[in-house]
Amino acid sequence: MTPSSSRIVTYSPAYTLVPTYECFNQCAYCNFRAEPGTSPWLTLADAEKTLTALQGHGVIEMLVLSGEVHPLSGRRSSWFQHIYTLCELAISLGFLPHANVGPLSFEEMKRLRLVNVSMGLMLEQLTPDLLKTVHRHAPSKLPEVRLQQLAWAGELKIPFTTGLLLGLGETKRDRQESLMAIAQIQEQWGHIQEVILQPYRPGQQEALLGEAFQVEELLETIDMARQILPEAIAIQVPPNLVQDPQMLIACLEMGARDVGGISPRDEVNPDYPHPHIQEMLITLNQAGWEFLPRLPVYPQYDDWLPAGLRERVQDYRFDLSNLT
């Protein structure tokens, strides 16, 4: 039996390019950051070598994921230009960039959209209570800053991914309010293509070392999200953070329809490697799900893209249609 369209789950064939791990935030749960000045920036020569080796291996999305240089730092403009240039390089070598580099100014965001088919920033949680705990030393995690980013992305017509971190000390009511805020912004601008529901899992490099977010609560949150968010927004669950295949299938049955970028390494959760695509394909097919690759921009947003990027995206869509 061929699964219907309601039984399709998608993934993005991806690779993560990290301009720098340095970050002025100190989130208690972070397994990614390095102290400012201790993480050499990725050189263009090394980036080109990496990207050239990836050509012809099925990678489409180039996730450009960076630690943050302080907005008032004298190195901020160089950091931003470096990210822009890496995105240009990725495009020139046939990839589709998706930048997630922390909060940007309106002008930075306006410029970066020219070399990205989509962009992203986690809302995380709106409750200010986390500013007293896990975000106490994370100035860019102010809820109003994150909301402003989502609104600016809508104003600039940037296809956008956002999401919630789950299990940091927030309540169910906090999760509900965060989801409602995303829904309200989507109703105004219509640019949010995915919401990631990312359960906390402890890692070796972090300071928090808390208890893992329970799968049962994740299922409840997926159900809540599906009730609150507009239907056009896909709910994404990272498969490496839901390691039991049956629990992942339960997440799909509850309303998740995407598992995000599948790449050799999850830079944010390095202790939890992504499953192999072929293994997931077999598991999901056996459960009656069709597992299909997608682009980092959803089809309804193609017309928002600059002409050059739009043409590249259309070529990829043609190639994917021939594969499926």
Protein backbone atom coordinates (compact mmCIF):
# COMPACT_ATOMS: atom_id res chain seq x y z
CA MET A 1 0.00 0.00 0.00
CA THR A 2 1.34 3.44 -0.91
CA PRO A 3 1.09 5.96 1.96
CA SER A 4 -1.18 8.93 1.36
CA SER A 5 0.08 12.52 1.51
CA SER A 6 -0.92 12.60 5.18
CA ARG A 7 1.59 9.81 5.81
CA ILE A 8 4.62 11.66 4.47
CA VAL A 9 7.49 12.73 6.70
CA THR A 10 10.31 14.84 5.28
CA TYR A 11 13.97 15.49 5.94
CA SER A 12 16.61 17.82 4.52
CA PRO A 13 19.86 16.28 3.20
CA ALA A 14 22.21 18.70 4.93
CA TYR A 15 25.69 19.57 6.09
CA THR A 16 26.60 22.06 8.83
CA LEU A 17 29.23 24.69 8.21
CA VAL A 18 30.43 26.48 11.38
CA PRO A 19 32.09 29.89 10.79
CA THR A 20 33.11 30.00 14.47
CA TYR A 21 32.17 28.35 17.75
CA GLU A 22 32.97 31.47 19.77
CA CYS A 23 29.93 33.03 21.43
CA PHE A 24 29.41 35.82 23.93
CA ASN A 25 26.38 34.03 25.40
CA GLN A 26 26.89 31.43 28.11
CA CYS A 27 23.74 29.29 28.07
CA ALA A 28 23.95 26.64 30.79
CA TYR A 29 22.83 23.83 28.46
CA CYS A 30 25.13 24.66 25.52
CA ASN A 31 27.44 22.00 24.05
CA PHE A 32 28.48 24.17 21.10
CA ARG A 33 30.13 27.39 22.24
CA ALA A 34 33.74 28.34 22.81
CA GLU A 35 35.00 31.40 24.67
CA PRO A 36 35.48 34.49 22.49
CA GLY A 37 38.97 34.53 21.03
CA THR A 38 39.52 30.77 21.48
CA SER A 39 37.81 29.47 18.33
CA PRO A 40 39.60 30.16 15.05
CA TRP A 41 37.25 31.25 12.28
CA LEU A 42 36.72 28.80 9.45
CA THR A 43 38.84 29.92 6.52
CA LEU A 44 37.37 30.24 3.05
CA ALA A 45 39.99 27.83 1.75
CA ASP A 46 38.98 25.15 4.28
CA ALA A 47 35.30 25.79 3.61
CA GLU A 48 35.82 25.44 -0.13
CA LYS A 49 37.73 22.21 0.38
CA THR A 50 34.91 20.80 2.51
CA LEU A 51 32.14 21.90 0.17
CA THR A 52 33.94 20.63 -2.93
CA ALA A 53 34.26 17.19 -1.31
CA LEU A 54 30.50 17.18 -0.64
CA GLN A 55 29.52 17.82 -4.25
CA GLY A 56 27.75 14.88 -5.84
CA HIS A 57 26.98 13.20 -2.50
CA GLY A 58 23.33 14.20 -2.17
CA VAL A 59 23.77 17.19 0.14
CA ILE A 60 21.40 20.07 -0.64
CA GLU A 61 21.12 22.28 2.44
CA MET A 62 24.17 24.06 3.77
CA LEU A 63 23.30 25.00 7.35
CA VAL A 64 25.53 27.92 8.29
CA LEU A 65 25.49 27.76 12.09
CA SER A 66 27.59 30.20 14.06
CA GLY A 67 28.36 31.31 17.54
CA GLU A 68 27.61 34.99 18.13
CA VAL A 69 30.01 37.93 18.13
CA HIS A 70 28.64 40.72 20.33
CA PRO A 71 26.73 43.40 18.34
CA LEU A 72 28.99 46.10 19.82
CA SER A 73 32.22 44.24 19.17
CA GLY A 74 34.71 45.75 16.73
CA ARG A 75 34.77 42.34 15.03
CA ARG A 76 31.03 42.21 14.42
CA SER A 77 31.17 43.55 10.84
CA SER A 78 33.98 41.14 9.92
CA TRP A 79 32.05 38.23 11.45
CA PHE A 80 28.93 39.13 9.49
CA GLN A 81 30.83 39.59 6.23
CA HIS A 82 32.49 36.22 6.74
CA ILE A 83 29.09 34.54 7.12
CA TYR A 84 27.82 36.32 4.01
CA THR A 85 30.85 35.22 2.01
CA LEU A 86 30.50 31.60 3.16
CA CYS A 87 26.89 31.63 1.98
CA GLU A 88 27.99 33.02 -1.39
CA LEU A 89 30.59 30.27 -1.62
CA ALA A 90 28.02 27.58 -0.84
CA ILE A 91 25.73 28.89 -3.59
CA SER A 92 28.57 29.00 -6.11
CA LEU A 93 29.31 25.32 -5.42
CA GLY A 94 25.69 24.24 -5.84
CA PHE A 95 24.27 24.22 -2.30
CA LEU A 96 21.28 26.04 -0.77
CA PRO A 97 22.29 28.02 2.35
CA HIS A 98 20.17 28.28 5.48
CA ALA A 99 21.75 30.61 8.06
CA ASN A 100 21.13 30.36 11.79
CA VAL A 101 23.63 32.73 13.39
CA GLY A 102 21.77 34.34 16.29
CA PRO A 103 19.93 37.66 16.43
CA LEU A 104 20.77 40.11 13.66
CA SER A 105 20.08 43.77 13.08
CA PHE A 106 17.36 44.57 10.57
CA GLU A 107 19.98 45.61 8.02
CA GLU A 108 22.04 42.46 8.59
CA MET A 109 18.97 40.31 8.12
CA LYS A 110 17.95 42.25 5.01
CA ARG A 111 21.37 41.68 3.47
CA LEU A 112 21.75 38.04 4.46
CA ARG A 113 18.43 37.10 2.85
CA LEU A 114 20.08 37.75 -0.53
CA VAL A 115 22.30 34.68 -0.08
CA ASN A 116 19.94 32.34 1.83
CA VAL A 117 16.88 30.42 0.71
CA SER A 118 15.67 30.43 4.31
CA MET A 119 16.91 31.43 7.74
CA GLY A 120 16.26 30.41 11.31
CA LEU A 121 16.37 31.35 14.97
CA MET A 122 14.93 29.42 17.88
CA LEU A 123 12.43 31.35 19.97
CA GLU A 124 13.33 28.89 22.76
CA GLN A 125 10.82 30.08 25.43
CA LEU A 126 9.14 33.39 26.11
CA THR A 127 9.09 33.12 29.87
CA PRO A 128 11.49 35.62 31.49
CA ASP A 129 12.07 33.14 34.31
CA LEU A 130 14.83 31.44 32.30
CA LEU A 131 16.81 34.70 32.41
CA LYS A 132 17.33 33.91 36.09
CA THR A 133 18.59 30.38 35.43
CA VAL A 134 19.88 28.85 32.16
CA HIS A 135 19.97 32.21 30.33
CA ARG A 136 21.37 34.28 33.18
CA HIS A 137 24.57 34.91 31.21
CA ALA A 138 23.00 35.00 27.75
CA PRO A 139 22.14 38.59 26.75
CA SER A 140 20.79 37.72 23.31
CA LYS A 141 18.23 35.31 24.77
CA LEU A 142 15.90 38.14 25.81
CA PRO A 143 12.39 37.03 24.73
CA GLU A 144 11.59 40.41 23.17
CA VAL A 145 14.74 40.19 21.02
CA ARG A 146 13.76 36.75 19.72
CA LEU A 147 10.21 37.88 18.94
CA GLN A 148 11.55 40.93 17.11
CA GLN A 149 13.66 38.67 14.91
CA LEU A 150 10.62 36.62 13.92
CA ALA A 151 8.67 39.77 13.08
CA TRP A 152 11.53 41.27 11.06
CA ALA A 153 11.88 38.05 9.11
CA GLY A 154 8.21 38.28 8.23
CA GLU A 155 8.51 41.91 7.20
CA LEU A 156 11.47 41.03 4.97
CA LYS A 157 9.69 37.98 3.49
CA ILE A 158 12.30 35.49 4.68
CA PRO A 159 11.11 31.87 4.84
CA PHE A 160 11.84 31.07 8.45
CA THR A 161 12.35 28.23 10.90
CA THR A 162 11.95 28.72 14.62
CA GLY A 163 11.24 26.48 17.56
CA LEU A 164 11.09 25.72 21.26
CA LEU A 165 13.68 24.21 23.56
CA LEU A 166 11.90 21.86 25.94
CA GLY A 167 12.91 20.88 29.44
CA LEU A 168 14.89 23.92 30.58
CA GLY A 169 12.67 24.68 33.55
CA GLU A 170 9.65 26.09 31.72
CA THR A 171 6.07 25.07 32.52
CA LYS A 172 3.40 23.69 30.21
CA ARG A 173 1.77 27.10 30.30
CA ASP A 174 5.07 28.66 29.20
CA ARG A 175 5.18 26.30 26.22
CA GLN A 176 1.62 27.16 25.33
CA GLU A 177 2.32 30.89 25.44
CA SER A 178 5.43 30.52 23.29
CA LEU A 179 3.49 28.53 20.68
CA MET A 180 0.69 31.09 20.72
CA ALA A 181 3.20 33.90 20.09
CA ILE A 182 4.56 32.04 17.06
CA ALA A 183 1.02 31.49 15.78
CA GLN A 184 0.21 35.20 16.12
CA ILE A 185 3.31 36.23 14.17
CA GLN A 186 2.49 33.64 11.50
CA GLU A 187 -1.02 35.02 11.14
CA GLN A 188 0.45 38.46 10.47
CA TRP A 189 3.28 37.55 8.08
CA GLY A 190 2.84 33.93 6.96
CA HIS A 191 6.58 33.23 6.70
CA ILE A 192 7.20 30.51 9.30
CA GLN A 193 7.62 27.20 7.54
CA GLU A 194 8.71 25.00 10.46
CA VAL A 195 8.63 24.92 14.24
CA ILE A 196 11.20 22.65 15.86
CA LEU A 197 10.28 21.00 19.15
CA GLN A 198 13.70 20.20 20.57
CA PRO A 199 13.80 18.14 23.77
CA TYR A 200 16.68 18.80 26.13
CA ARG A 201 19.24 16.01 26.31
CA PRO A 202 22.29 16.35 28.59
CA GLY A 203 25.70 16.63 26.93
CA GLN A 204 29.29 16.34 28.06
CA GLN A 205 30.31 19.97 27.51
CA GLU A 206 27.47 21.79 29.23
CA ALA A 207 27.17 23.23 32.73
CA LEU A 208 23.53 22.29 33.35
CA LEU A 209 23.62 18.46 33.31
CA GLY A 210 19.91 18.26 33.99
CA GLU A 211 17.35 15.52 33.45
CA ALA A 212 16.38 14.65 29.88
CA PHE A 213 12.98 15.90 28.73
CA GLN A 214 10.58 12.97 28.86
CA VAL A 215 9.18 11.60 25.60
CA GLU A 216 5.68 11.54 27.08
CA GLU A 217 5.88 15.31 27.60
CA LEU A 218 7.22 15.71 24.08
CA LEU A 219 4.15 13.91 22.71
CA GLU A 220 1.91 16.23 24.75
CA THR A 221 3.77 19.27 23.39
CA ILE A 222 3.45 18.06 19.79
CA ASP A 223 -0.28 17.66 20.32
CA MET A 224 -0.49 21.15 21.84
CA ALA A 225 1.52 22.62 18.97
CA ARG A 226 -0.64 21.00 16.33
CA GLN A 227 -3.72 22.50 17.97
CA ILE A 228 -2.23 26.01 18.29
CA LEU A 229 -0.11 26.46 15.17
CA PRO A 230 -1.58 27.08 11.71
CA GLU A 231 -1.70 23.92 9.60
CA ALA A 232 0.78 25.36 7.09
CA ILE A 233 3.57 25.21 9.69
CA ALA A 234 5.37 21.86 9.77
CA ILE A 235 6.24 20.49 13.20
CA GLN A 236 9.80 19.18 13.30
CA VAL A 237 11.28 16.71 15.80
CA PRO A 238 15.02 15.91 15.75
CA PRO A 239 15.33 12.11 15.36
CA ASN A 240 18.69 11.91 17.14
CA LEU A 241 17.03 13.29 20.28
CA VAL A 242 14.19 10.75 20.08
CA GLN A 243 16.33 7.66 19.75
CA ASP A 244 13.70 4.97 20.21
CA PRO A 245 12.24 4.39 16.70
CA GLN A 246 8.83 3.58 18.15
CA MET A 247 8.80 6.86 20.05
CA LEU A 248 9.72 8.73 16.87
CA ILE A 249 6.79 7.06 15.12
CA ALA A 250 4.57 8.08 18.04
CA CYS A 251 5.71 11.69 17.48
CA LEU A 252 4.63 11.41 13.84
CA GLU A 253 1.28 9.94 14.80
CA MET A 254 0.80 12.91 17.14
CA GLY A 255 1.39 15.44 14.35
CA ALA A 256 5.10 15.90 13.63
CA ARG A 257 5.84 15.74 9.90
CA ASP A 258 9.52 16.64 9.55
CA VAL A 259 12.79 15.49 11.12
CA GLY A 260 14.96 18.41 9.95
CA GLY A 261 18.44 18.34 8.52
CA ILE A 262 20.14 14.95 8.54
CA SER A 263 23.90 15.47 8.50
CA PRO A 264 27.07 13.67 9.62
CA ARG A 265 27.20 15.63 12.89
CA ASP A 266 24.71 17.53 15.01
CA GLU A 267 26.86 20.48 16.05
CA VAL A 268 24.36 21.59 18.70
CA ASN A 269 24.02 18.11 20.24
CA PRO A 270 27.34 16.44 19.38
CA ASP A 271 26.76 13.58 21.82
CA TYR A 272 23.72 12.46 19.81
CA PRO A 273 24.59 11.49 16.21
CA HIS A 274 21.91 11.55 13.56
CA PRO A 275 20.55 8.18 12.47
CA HIS A 276 21.40 6.97 8.98
CA ILE A 277 18.85 7.94 6.35
CA GLN A 278 18.56 4.39 5.02
CA GLU A 279 17.83 3.03 8.50
CA MET A 280 15.13 5.65 9.02
CA LEU A 281 13.68 4.92 5.60
CA ILE A 282 13.26 1.24 6.44
CA THR A 283 11.82 1.90 9.90
CA LEU A 284 9.32 4.49 8.71
CA ASN A 285 8.27 2.55 5.63
CA GLN A 286 7.55 -0.49 7.79
CA ALA A 287 5.28 1.71 9.93
CA GLY A 288 3.42 3.01 6.87
CA TRP A 289 5.23 6.31 6.47
CA GLU A 290 6.82 7.62 3.30
CA PHE A 291 10.19 9.27 3.98
CA LEU A 292 11.10 11.95 1.44
CA PRO A 293 13.87 14.53 1.00
CA ARG A 294 12.96 18.21 0.85
CA LEU A 295 14.66 21.52 0.25
CA PRO A 296 15.44 24.04 3.04
CA VAL A 297 12.76 26.30 1.55
CA TYR A 298 9.16 25.11 1.25
CA PRO A 299 7.48 25.45 -2.18
CA GLN A 300 5.00 28.14 -1.13
CA TYR A 301 7.91 30.53 -0.55
CA ASP A 302 9.79 30.09 -3.83
CA ASP A 303 8.45 33.36 -5.24
CA TRP A 304 9.89 35.27 -2.28
CA LEU A 305 13.46 34.41 -3.23
CA PRO A 306 15.86 36.60 -5.23
CA ALA A 307 15.85 35.57 -8.89
CA GLY A 308 19.16 33.70 -8.86
CA LEU A 309 18.27 31.64 -5.80
CA ARG A 310 14.77 30.99 -7.13
CA GLU A 311 16.19 29.49 -10.33
CA ARG A 312 18.56 27.26 -8.35
CA VAL A 313 15.68 26.10 -6.13
CA GLN A 314 13.51 25.29 -9.14
CA ASP A 315 16.31 23.16 -10.59
CA TYR A 316 16.51 21.23 -7.33
CA ARG A 317 12.74 20.76 -7.27
CA PHE A 318 12.90 19.25 -10.74
CA ASP A 319 15.67 16.87 -9.62
CA LEU A 320 13.76 15.81 -6.49
CA SER A 321 10.57 15.19 -8.47
CA ASN A 322 12.53 12.77 -10.67
CA LEU A 323 13.85 10.97 -7.59
CA THR A 324 10.43 10.54 -6.03
